[in-house]
Amino acid sequence: MPSPPSHDIREASSSTAAEKALSGLRARLRSEDCGPFQEPANPPVGPENHVYAKLQAIFSQNLSGQADSSTNLKFQDLAELFALYGQEIYNLSLKAVQAAHEAISDNISAFHAQAASTSAHTALLYNNISYPLSATLCQSETFPSASLARHVRTLHKRLSVAEAELARLNDEWKRCAAEEAQILSDRAGASAEKEDGGATKKKMEELVARIDDIVQRRTGEIEELNEEYRDLLWAESNRMMQAMMAD
C-alpha cells in the first residue's frame, strides 16, 4: 500500500513557498517606493483559483479603510503571502487526499483479485470433494491414467499374486529345511556308527591282547611245570635205576 506524503514533506514544500514569499515581501518592505500591488503572473485556475481568491478576500477585508497607501500595500502583500501559503497547504492536502484515495483504490482492487482467486479455489475444492472418490482419475509418469477404483483393484490383484508367490516360496523353504535336517541327521548317524565301530574294534583288540597275554603267561607256566616234571621224572628214573642196580 503506497503511503501518503509525509508531514515532513508537506512542511518542507510549504516552508519553501513561504520563504520565497517572505523574501519578496522583505525586499518590497525595504524599498522606499513599494509600487502598486501586482497580481500574480500565473493566477491559479480551477478550484485553486476559488481557494486563492477566498483566502485573499479574507486577509484583505480590513484594508479598504487604511489611509496610508504604503501601509495598505504592505498589508496587501502580507495578505497575498497568507493567501499563497493557504493555497499551498490546500494543494498539499489535496494531493495527500488523492494519494490516499489511490492507495485505498489499489487495496480494494487487490482485495477483489484475492477474493476472486479464493472463490475460484474454493469452487475447485468443492468440486473435488463432491466428486466420487472411486471415480477420481489418478495419473503419473510411472503408471497409466485410470480411476482410483481401478488402481485399487489392480493393486489388490498384485497383492494376491504376491501372497501366492510368498506362500509357494515358504513351502519350498520348509521342504529345503526338512531335507537339510534329514541330511544332517543321516550324517550324524553315520558318524555315530563309525565311532561305534572304532570303539568295538578297539575293544576287540584289547580283548585279543589280554587273551594273548593270558595264553603267554599260561604257556610259560606250563613250560615251567613241564620242566619241573621232567626234572622230577629224570630224578625218579635215576633213583629207580640206582635202586635196581643195587639189588
C-alpha atoms as a PDB file:
ATOM      1  CA  MET A   1       0.000   0.000   0.000  1.00  0.00           C
ATOM      2  CA  PRO A   2       1.625   3.318  -1.041  1.00  0.00           C
ATOM      3  CA  SER A   3       1.918   5.726   1.851  1.00  0.00           C
ATOM      4  CA  PRO A   4       0.604   9.291   1.524  1.00  0.00           C
ATOM      5  CA  PRO A   5       3.106  12.148   1.536  1.00  0.00           C
ATOM      6  CA  SER A   6       4.589  12.567   4.965  1.00  0.00           C
ATOM      7  CA  HIS A   7       4.076  15.594   7.156  1.00  0.00           C
ATOM      8  CA  ASP A   8       7.779  16.474   6.820  1.00  0.00           C
ATOM      9  CA  ILE A   9       7.473  16.660   3.001  1.00  0.00           C
ATOM     10  CA  ARG A  10       4.445  18.920   3.256  1.00  0.00           C
ATOM     11  CA  GLU A  11       6.236  21.125   5.760  1.00  0.00           C
ATOM     12  CA  ALA A  12       9.338  21.319   3.550  1.00  0.00           C
ATOM     13  CA  SER A  13       7.269  22.325   0.485  1.00  0.00           C
ATOM     14  CA  SER A  14       5.270  24.840   2.498  1.00  0.00           C
ATOM     15  CA  SER A  15       8.436  26.259   4.051  1.00  0.00           C
ATOM     16  CA  THR A  16       9.988  26.707   0.608  1.00  0.00           C
ATOM     17  CA  ALA A  17       6.967  28.581  -0.720  1.00  0.00           C
ATOM     18  CA  ALA A  18       6.723  30.641   2.432  1.00  0.00           C
ATOM     19  CA  GLU A  19      10.432  31.521   2.337  1.00  0.00           C
ATOM     20  CA  LYS A  20      10.144  32.682  -1.273  1.00  0.00           C
ATOM     21  CA  ALA A  21       7.148  34.818  -0.456  1.00  0.00           C
ATOM     22  CA  LEU A  22       8.833  36.234   2.645  1.00  0.00           C
ATOM     23  CA  SER A  23      11.960  37.094   0.637  1.00  0.00           C
ATOM     24  CA  GLY A  24       9.856  39.031  -1.849  1.00  0.00           C
ATOM     25  CA  LEU A  25       7.950  40.723   0.954  1.00  0.00           C
ATOM     26  CA  ARG A  26      11.132  41.773   2.752  1.00  0.00           C
ATOM     27  CA  ALA A  27      12.574  43.192  -0.436  1.00  0.00           C
ATOM     28  CA  ARG A  28       9.443  45.224  -1.044  1.00  0.00           C
ATOM     29  CA  LEU A  29       9.266  46.441   2.573  1.00  0.00           C
ATOM     30  CA  ARG A  30      12.897  47.572   2.473  1.00  0.00           C
ATOM     31  CA  SER A  31      12.420  49.594  -0.690  1.00  0.00           C
ATOM     32  CA  GLU A  32      11.290  53.204  -0.257  1.00  0.00           C
ATOM     33  CA  ASP A  33       8.756  53.008  -3.049  1.00  0.00           C
ATOM     34  CA  CYS A  34       6.842  49.796  -2.864  1.00  0.00           C
ATOM     35  CA  GLY A  35       4.930  50.471  -6.035  1.00  0.00           C
ATOM     36  CA  PRO A  36       1.433  49.368  -6.787  1.00  0.00           C
ATOM     37  CA  PHE A  37       0.260  45.852  -5.950  1.00  0.00           C
ATOM     38  CA  GLN A  38       0.573  43.414  -8.855  1.00  0.00           C
ATOM     39  CA  GLU A  39      -1.464  40.301  -9.385  1.00  0.00           C
ATOM     40  CA  PRO A  40       0.425  37.003  -9.742  1.00  0.00           C
ATOM     41  CA  ALA A  41       1.810  36.366 -13.207  1.00  0.00           C
ATOM     42  CA  ASN A  42       0.081  32.985 -13.424  1.00  0.00           C
ATOM     43  CA  PRO A  43      -3.056  33.146 -11.308  1.00  0.00           C
ATOM     44  CA  PRO A  44      -4.416  29.762 -10.200  1.00  0.00           C
ATOM     45  CA  VAL A  45      -7.201  28.233 -12.212  1.00  0.00           C
ATOM     46  CA  GLY A  46      -9.964  25.864 -11.316  1.00  0.00           C
ATOM     47  CA  PRO A  47     -10.723  25.079  -7.643  1.00  0.00           C
ATOM     48  CA  GLU A  48      -7.398  26.585  -6.627  1.00  0.00           C
ATOM     49  CA  ASN A  49      -8.444  29.968  -8.036  1.00  0.00           C
ATOM     50  CA  HIS A  50     -11.506  29.853  -5.835  1.00  0.00           C
ATOM     51  CA  VAL A  51      -9.433  28.985  -2.757  1.00  0.00           C
ATOM     52  CA  TYR A  52      -6.845  31.650  -3.518  1.00  0.00           C
ATOM     53  CA  ALA A  53      -9.476  34.337  -4.113  1.00  0.00           C
ATOM     54  CA  LYS A  54     -11.371  33.402  -0.967  1.00  0.00           C
ATOM     55  CA  LEU A  55      -8.240  33.485   1.206  1.00  0.00           C
ATOM     56  CA  GLN A  56      -7.115  36.776  -0.285  1.00  0.00           C
ATOM     57  CA  ALA A  57     -10.534  38.284   0.352  1.00  0.00           C
ATOM     58  CA  ILE A  58     -10.436  37.122   3.982  1.00  0.00           C
ATOM     59  CA  PHE A  59      -6.966  38.508   4.634  1.00  0.00           C
ATOM     60  CA  SER A  60      -7.687  41.804   2.747  1.00  0.00           C
ATOM     61  CA  GLN A  61     -11.163  42.585   4.015  1.00  0.00           C
ATOM     62  CA  ASN A  62      -9.950  45.182   6.579  1.00  0.00           C
ATOM     63  CA  LEU A  63      -7.523  47.007   4.264  1.00  0.00           C
ATOM     64  CA  SER A  64     -10.022  49.206   2.422  1.00  0.00           C
ATOM     65  CA  GLY A  65     -10.206  51.768   5.267  1.00  0.00           C
ATOM     66  CA  GLN A  66      -6.446  52.324   5.572  1.00  0.00           C
ATOM     67  CA  ALA A  67      -5.404  55.909   4.807  1.00  0.00           C
ATOM     68  CA  ASP A  68      -1.726  55.293   4.269  1.00  0.00           C
ATOM     69  CA  SER A  69      -1.210  53.764   0.874  1.00  0.00           C
ATOM     70  CA  SER A  70       2.221  52.343   1.735  1.00  0.00           C
ATOM     71  CA  THR A  71       0.832  50.632   4.797  1.00  0.00           C
ATOM     72  CA  ASN A  72      -2.068  49.408   2.723  1.00  0.00           C
ATOM     73  CA  LEU A  73       0.320  47.961   0.185  1.00  0.00           C
ATOM     74  CA  LYS A  74       2.309  46.228   2.901  1.00  0.00           C
ATOM     75  CA  PHE A  75      -0.825  44.647   4.312  1.00  0.00           C
ATOM     76  CA  GLN A  76      -1.868  43.671   0.814  1.00  0.00           C
ATOM     77  CA  ASP A  77       1.469  41.951   0.368  1.00  0.00           C
ATOM     78  CA  LEU A  78       1.024  40.192   3.710  1.00  0.00           C
ATOM     79  CA  ALA A  79      -2.483  39.149   2.716  1.00  0.00           C
ATOM     80  CA  GLU A  80      -1.111  37.812  -0.549  1.00  0.00           C
ATOM     81  CA  LEU A  81       1.546  35.884   1.378  1.00  0.00           C
ATOM     82  CA  PHE A  82      -1.060  34.272   3.632  1.00  0.00           C
ATOM     83  CA  ALA A  83      -3.238  33.519   0.628  1.00  0.00           C
ATOM     84  CA  LEU A  84      -0.346  31.828  -1.177  1.00  0.00           C
ATOM     85  CA  TYR A  85       0.589  29.902   1.958  1.00  0.00           C
ATOM     86  CA  GLY A  86      -3.021  28.786   2.413  1.00  0.00           C
ATOM     87  CA  GLN A  87      -3.199  27.789  -1.223  1.00  0.00           C
ATOM     88  CA  GLU A  88      -0.020  25.740  -0.805  1.00  0.00           C
ATOM     89  CA  ILE A  89      -1.479  23.987   2.227  1.00  0.00           C
ATOM     90  CA  TYR A  90      -4.652  23.305   0.267  1.00  0.00           C
ATOM     91  CA  ASN A  91      -2.688  21.856  -2.657  1.00  0.00           C
ATOM     92  CA  LEU A  92      -0.649  19.608  -0.373  1.00  0.00           C
ATOM     93  CA  SER A  93      -3.758  18.438   1.457  1.00  0.00           C
ATOM     94  CA  LEU A  94      -5.489  17.761  -1.847  1.00  0.00           C
ATOM     95  CA  LYS A  95      -2.513  15.726  -3.081  1.00  0.00           C
ATOM     96  CA  ALA A  96      -2.436  13.756   0.182  1.00  0.00           C
ATOM     97  CA  VAL A  97      -6.155  13.018  -0.103  1.00  0.00           C
ATOM     98  CA  GLN A  98      -5.746  11.954  -3.731  1.00  0.00           C
ATOM     99  CA  ALA A  99      -2.795   9.708  -2.847  1.00  0.00           C
ATOM    100  CA  ALA A 100      -4.778   8.139  -0.004  1.00  0.00           C
ATOM    101  CA  HIS A 101      -7.735   7.651  -2.357  1.00  0.00           C
ATOM    102  CA  GLU A 102      -5.494   5.965  -4.933  1.00  0.00           C
ATOM    103  CA  ALA A 103      -3.945   3.750  -2.247  1.00  0.00           C
ATOM    104  CA  ILE A 104      -7.379   2.730  -0.987  1.00  0.00           C
ATOM    105  CA  SER A 105      -8.493   2.040  -4.568  1.00  0.00           C
ATOM    106  CA  ASP A 106      -5.397  -0.132  -5.114  1.00  0.00           C
ATOM    107  CA  ASN A 107      -6.115  -2.019  -1.891  1.00  0.00           C
ATOM    108  CA  ILE A 108      -9.722  -2.551  -2.953  1.00  0.00           C
ATOM    109  CA  SER A 109      -8.584  -3.857  -6.355  1.00  0.00           C
ATOM    110  CA  ALA A 110      -6.024  -6.180  -4.752  1.00  0.00           C
ATOM    111  CA  PHE A 111      -8.605  -7.450  -2.272  1.00  0.00           C
ATOM    112  CA  HIS A 112     -11.078  -8.011  -5.114  1.00  0.00           C
ATOM    113  CA  ALA A 113      -8.485 -10.023  -7.058  1.00  0.00           C
ATOM    114  CA  GLN A 114      -7.594 -12.070  -3.963  1.00  0.00           C
ATOM    115  CA  ALA A 115     -11.271 -12.674  -3.201  1.00  0.00           C
ATOM    116  CA  ALA A 116     -11.876 -13.822  -6.784  1.00  0.00           C
ATOM    117  CA  SER A 117      -8.879 -16.195  -6.610  1.00  0.00           C
ATOM    118  CA  THR A 118     -10.038 -17.564  -3.252  1.00  0.00           C
ATOM    119  CA  SER A 119     -13.554 -18.054  -4.604  1.00  0.00           C
ATOM    120  CA  ALA A 120     -12.250 -19.965  -7.628  1.00  0.00           C
ATOM    121  CA  HIS A 121     -10.024 -22.126  -5.406  1.00  0.00           C
ATOM    122  CA  THR A 122     -12.952 -22.814  -3.080  1.00  0.00           C
ATOM    123  CA  ALA A 123     -15.124 -23.839  -6.008  1.00  0.00           C
ATOM    124  CA  LEU A 124     -12.391 -26.200  -7.225  1.00  0.00           C
ATOM    125  CA  LEU A 125     -12.053 -27.746  -3.771  1.00  0.00           C
ATOM    126  CA  TYR A 126     -15.818 -28.189  -3.512  1.00  0.00           C
ATOM    127  CA  ASN A 127     -15.892 -29.898  -6.901  1.00  0.00           C
ATOM    128  CA  ASN A 128     -13.114 -32.252  -5.798  1.00  0.00           C
ATOM    129  CA  ILE A 129     -14.913 -33.045  -2.537  1.00  0.00           C
ATOM    130  CA  SER A 130     -18.315 -33.555  -4.149  1.00  0.00           C
ATOM    131  CA  TYR A 131     -16.905 -35.774  -6.922  1.00  0.00           C
ATOM    132  CA  PRO A 132     -16.998 -39.525  -6.101  1.00  0.00           C
ATOM    133  CA  LEU A 133     -13.654 -40.698  -4.812  1.00  0.00           C
ATOM    134  CA  SER A 134     -13.815 -44.004  -6.676  1.00  0.00           C
ATOM    135  CA  ALA A 135     -14.237 -42.174  -9.972  1.00  0.00           C
ATOM    136  CA  THR A 136     -11.368 -39.759  -9.384  1.00  0.00           C
ATOM    137  CA  LEU A 137      -8.690 -40.077 -12.034  1.00  0.00           C
ATOM    138  CA  CYS A 138      -5.109 -40.626 -10.949  1.00  0.00           C
ATOM    139  CA  GLN A 139      -2.194 -40.162 -13.292  1.00  0.00           C
ATOM    140  CA  SER A 140       1.560 -40.201 -13.019  1.00  0.00           C
ATOM    141  CA  GLU A 141       4.678 -40.750 -15.070  1.00  0.00           C
ATOM    142  CA  THR A 142       5.114 -44.245 -13.590  1.00  0.00           C
ATOM    143  CA  PHE A 143       1.610 -45.653 -14.185  1.00  0.00           C
ATOM    144  CA  PRO A 144      -1.206 -45.026 -16.692  1.00  0.00           C
ATOM    145  CA  SER A 145      -4.155 -42.765 -16.017  1.00  0.00           C
ATOM    146  CA  ALA A 146      -7.157 -44.560 -14.535  1.00  0.00           C
ATOM    147  CA  SER A 147      -9.808 -44.175 -11.875  1.00  0.00           C
ATOM    148  CA  LEU A 148      -8.923 -44.681  -8.254  1.00  0.00           C
ATOM    149  CA  ALA A 149     -11.172 -47.754  -8.011  1.00  0.00           C
ATOM    150  CA  ARG A 150      -9.378 -49.353 -10.970  1.00  0.00           C
ATOM    151  CA  HIS A 151      -5.989 -48.677  -9.412  1.00  0.00           C
ATOM    152  CA  VAL A 152      -7.205 -50.244  -6.157  1.00  0.00           C
ATOM    153  CA  ARG A 153      -8.405 -53.373  -7.986  1.00  0.00           C
ATOM    154  CA  THR A 154      -5.097 -53.664  -9.844  1.00  0.00           C
ATOM    155  CA  LEU A 155      -3.200 -53.291  -6.600  1.00  0.00           C
ATOM    156  CA  HIS A 156      -5.389 -55.950  -4.965  1.00  0.00           C
ATOM    157  CA  LYS A 157      -4.625 -58.389  -7.795  1.00  0.00           C
ATOM    158  CA  ARG A 158      -0.906 -57.732  -7.491  1.00  0.00           C
ATOM    159  CA  LEU A 159      -1.077 -58.285  -3.747  1.00  0.00           C
ATOM    160  CA  SER A 160      -2.910 -61.589  -4.262  1.00  0.00           C
ATOM    161  CA  VAL A 161      -0.263 -62.763  -6.738  1.00  0.00           C
ATOM    162  CA  ALA A 162       2.499 -61.687  -4.361  1.00  0.00           C
ATOM    163  CA  GLU A 163       0.862 -63.528  -1.455  1.00  0.00           C
ATOM    164  CA  ALA A 164       0.549 -66.720  -3.542  1.00  0.00           C
ATOM    165  CA  GLU A 165       4.198 -66.476  -4.588  1.00  0.00           C
ATOM    166  CA  LEU A 166       5.188 -65.885  -0.986  1.00  0.00           C
ATOM    167  CA  ALA A 167       3.240 -68.972   0.146  1.00  0.00           C
ATOM    168  CA  ARG A 168       4.921 -71.073  -2.566  1.00  0.00           C
ATOM    169  CA  LEU A 169       8.354 -69.855  -1.555  1.00  0.00           C
ATOM    170  CA  ASN A 170       7.523 -70.563   2.089  1.00  0.00           C
ATOM    171  CA  ASP A 171       6.551 -74.166   1.296  1.00  0.00           C
ATOM    172  CA  GLU A 172       9.707 -74.618  -0.751  1.00  0.00           C
ATOM    173  CA  TRP A 173      11.777 -73.232   2.085  1.00  0.00           C
ATOM    174  CA  LYS A 174      10.138 -75.665   4.514  1.00  0.00           C
ATOM    175  CA  ARG A 175      10.950 -78.587   2.208  1.00  0.00           C
ATOM    176  CA  CYS A 176      14.544 -77.450   1.900  1.00  0.00           C
ATOM    177  CA  ALA A 177      14.783 -77.087   5.670  1.00  0.00           C
ATOM    178  CA  ALA A 178      13.373 -80.614   6.163  1.00  0.00           C
ATOM    179  CA  GLU A 179      15.810 -82.068   3.622  1.00  0.00           C
ATOM    180  CA  GLU A 180      18.687 -80.266   5.282  1.00  0.00           C
ATOM    181  CA  ALA A 181      17.632 -81.606   8.680  1.00  0.00           C
ATOM    182  CA  GLN A 182      17.406 -85.152   7.266  1.00  0.00           C
ATOM    183  CA  ILE A 183      20.834 -84.868   5.661  1.00  0.00           C
ATOM    184  CA  LEU A 184      22.326 -83.616   8.897  1.00  0.00           C
ATOM    185  CA  SER A 185      20.619 -86.435  10.808  1.00  0.00           C
ATOM    186  CA  ASP A 186      21.913 -89.090   8.410  1.00  0.00           C
ATOM    187  CA  ARG A 187      25.397 -87.655   8.583  1.00  0.00           C
ATOM    188  CA  ALA A 188      25.251 -87.634  12.365  1.00  0.00           C
ATOM    189  CA  GLY A 189      24.072 -91.291  12.387  1.00  0.00           C
ATOM    190  CA  ALA A 190      26.861 -92.349  10.054  1.00  0.00           C
ATOM    191  CA  SER A 191      29.404 -90.602  12.220  1.00  0.00           C
ATOM    192  CA  ALA A 192      27.991 -92.309  15.297  1.00  0.00           C
ATOM    193  CA  GLU A 193      28.140 -95.727  13.628  1.00  0.00           C
ATOM    194  CA  LYS A 194      31.667 -95.069  12.539  1.00  0.00           C
ATOM    195  CA  GLU A 195      32.613 -94.083  16.037  1.00  0.00           C
ATOM    196  CA  ASP A 196      30.850 -97.178  17.469  1.00  0.00           C
ATOM    197  CA  GLY A 197      32.686 -99.467  15.019  1.00  0.00           C
ATOM    198  CA  GLY A 198      36.009 -97.989  16.031  1.00  0.00           C
ATOM    199  CA  ALA A 199      35.257 -98.480  19.705  1.00  0.00           C
ATOM    200  CA  THR A 200      34.256-102.117  19.125  1.00  0.00           C
ATOM    201  CA  LYS A 201      37.395-102.777  17.163  1.00  0.00           C
ATOM    202  CA  LYS A 202      39.445-101.221  19.879  1.00  0.00           C
ATOM    203  CA  LYS A 203      37.721-103.315  22.475  1.00  0.00           C
ATOM    204  CA  MET A 204      38.330-106.444  20.396  1.00  0.00           C
ATOM    205  CA  GLU A 205      41.976-105.566  20.067  1.00  0.00           C
ATOM    206  CA  GLU A 206      42.223-105.034  23.803  1.00  0.00           C
ATOM    207  CA  LEU A 207      40.475-108.346  24.410  1.00  0.00           C
ATOM    208  CA  VAL A 208      42.790-110.153  21.983  1.00  0.00           C
ATOM    209  CA  ALA A 209      45.776-108.577  23.656  1.00  0.00           C
ATOM    210  CA  ARG A 210      44.561-109.708  27.059  1.00  0.00           C
ATOM    211  CA  ILE A 211      43.916-113.218  25.758  1.00  0.00           C
ATOM    212  CA  ASP A 212      47.363-113.342  24.190  1.00  0.00           C
ATOM    213  CA  ASP A 213      48.838-112.181  27.451  1.00  0.00           C
ATOM    214  CA  ILE A 214      46.975-114.870  29.353  1.00  0.00           C
ATOM    215  CA  VAL A 215      47.998-117.506  26.844  1.00  0.00           C
ATOM    216  CA  GLN A 216      51.592-116.430  27.017  1.00  0.00           C
ATOM    217  CA  ARG A 217      51.562-116.463  30.785  1.00  0.00           C
ATOM    218  CA  ARG A 218      49.845-119.846  30.924  1.00  0.00           C
ATOM    219  CA  THR A 219      52.206-121.219  28.320  1.00  0.00           C
ATOM    220  CA  GLY A 220      55.145-120.057  30.408  1.00  0.00           C
ATOM    221  CA  GLU A 221      53.647-121.682  33.471  1.00  0.00           C
ATOM    222  CA  ILE A 222      53.044-124.919  31.553  1.00  0.00           C
ATOM    223  CA  GLU A 223      56.588-124.887  30.285  1.00  0.00           C
ATOM    224  CA  GLU A 224      57.823-124.339  33.830  1.00  0.00           C
ATOM    225  CA  LEU A 225      55.659-127.280  35.021  1.00  0.00           C
ATOM    226  CA  ASN A 226      56.916-129.435  32.190  1.00  0.00           C
ATOM    227  CA  GLU A 227      60.443-128.533  33.076  1.00  0.00           C
ATOM    228  CA  GLU A 228      59.868-129.376  36.755  1.00  0.00           C
ATOM    229  CA  TYR A 229      58.087-132.596  35.763  1.00  0.00           C
ATOM    230  CA  ARG A 230      60.928-133.595  33.503  1.00  0.00           C
ATOM    231  CA  ASP A 231      63.388-132.896  36.278  1.00  0.00           C
ATOM    232  CA  LEU A 232      61.347-134.923  38.749  1.00  0.00           C
ATOM    233  CA  LEU A 233      60.841-137.668  36.221  1.00  0.00           C
ATOM    234  CA  TRP A 234      64.577-137.796  35.487  1.00  0.00           C
ATOM    235  CA  ALA A 235      65.451-137.796  39.159  1.00  0.00           C
ATOM    236  CA  GLU A 236      62.925-140.500  39.894  1.00  0.00           C
ATOM    237  CA  SER A 237      64.147-142.546  36.955  1.00  0.00           C
ATOM    238  CA  ASN A 238      67.752-142.272  38.194  1.00  0.00           C
ATOM    239  CA  ARG A 239      66.719-143.240  41.728  1.00  0.00           C
ATOM    240  CA  MET A 240      64.876-146.272  40.411  1.00  0.00           C
ATOM    241  CA  MET A 241      67.835-147.240  38.215  1.00  0.00           C
ATOM    242  CA  GLN A 242      70.200-146.900  41.114  1.00  0.00           C
ATOM    243  CA  ALA A 243      67.892-148.988  43.296  1.00  0.00           C
ATOM    244  CA  MET A 244      67.648-151.714  40.666  1.00  0.00           C
ATOM    245  CA  MET A 245      71.384-151.739  40.188  1.00  0.00           C
ATOM    246  CA  ALA A 246      71.853-152.031  43.908  1.00  0.00           C
ATOM    247  CA  ASP A 247      69.686-155.149  44.053  1.00  0.00           C
END
